[in-house]
């Protein structure tokens, strides 16, 4: 019998697949519950912009045609909005593609990739798949410890992943400290600033007054890559479209490893239209800010600590192993996200939902905790 594990590359052998939030249909099948609400995957509860939906429907009859492999219309919209050149853009099937392209273009098995404890689970997966060494730096107050990260950089370090705000903790870095970190990077190290939750964090209602727009630094620091997505605030998670902005030469190299037609034509059309709907973006941000206040207040009333967050989620400390509480919420038809695999066994990450969904979650949590 063939041992396919031995045929796999060493990096792949040690991997475990990324575990997404439990789908609604799976919970219904397993537990026989109905009226399920999902607050596990940081999706926008308002859904996509009506303009994005209309644009997506308009191109459905053309799905027999390959999409524009260069994504010209979407790139043009992004250049206008961001003030960058087309040559600086790389489009991805979600921003996770951009992270993958950075590793594939620049990281070899002899290299190290550095990232913080309690940061996005895809970072170690991509690193190990490339056969490289993952260097995990202990967190500080649940967030990135930039001084420790700088001290951990070696001659073998080729890439640093830094999420701002961080997932799953919601913590963020201020502009001055982040720019100092970039300035101090050796020339052989590239920094990927993962801004998947940028729109939420930049909203003044979340009080992140010092939260920076890393895009403004791309022209100044050639070893900086900024990744963003339409999956979160723009409500297009099911279509998977994201983008990276970098020095033109870096973008060229990442585009060399980008698969042809990696973003489909429905996603391209919807994303381009979503950029034109400022009203939907504003409503999404306002809903999130109100929901954050609602869940934070609810956690306080339940006597639970939480990590202050500027994302569209909040990680709440259950004060005990969270797995049984997660299970109890599932049985009440509520899906949240356990984060023990992030080194946070006592926390549950809860996505901000509609007001009624947030209220139902808090009521169910009170019952499960017996409070």
Foldseek 3Di string as FASTA:
>chain_A
DDDVLVVADQLVNPDDDDDAFDDLVVLCVPQVDPPFDEFAHQFQQVAADPLLVVLLVVCVVVLVDFADQLLVLLLVLCCVVLVDDSLQKDKALALLLVVLLLCVLWPALQAEEEEEFLADPVVSSSQSSRNHHYHYFYADLSARDLVRRLVPDDPRHQEYEHEAVGPPAQDHDFDVVVVVSLVPDDPRHAYEYEDQQVLLLPDCLLVPVRHDDCSVCQVVRQRYKYKYGCRHLNNPVVQRMIMIGHPSVSSVSSNVPDDGSNHGNSRSRSSSSSSVCVVSSVVSNVQQSVLVVVLVVLCVVVVWDWRRHSGQKIKIFQVDFCVQLQVQVSSVNYIWAQVVVSVRRRITIGGRHGPVNSVVVSVSSCVSNVD
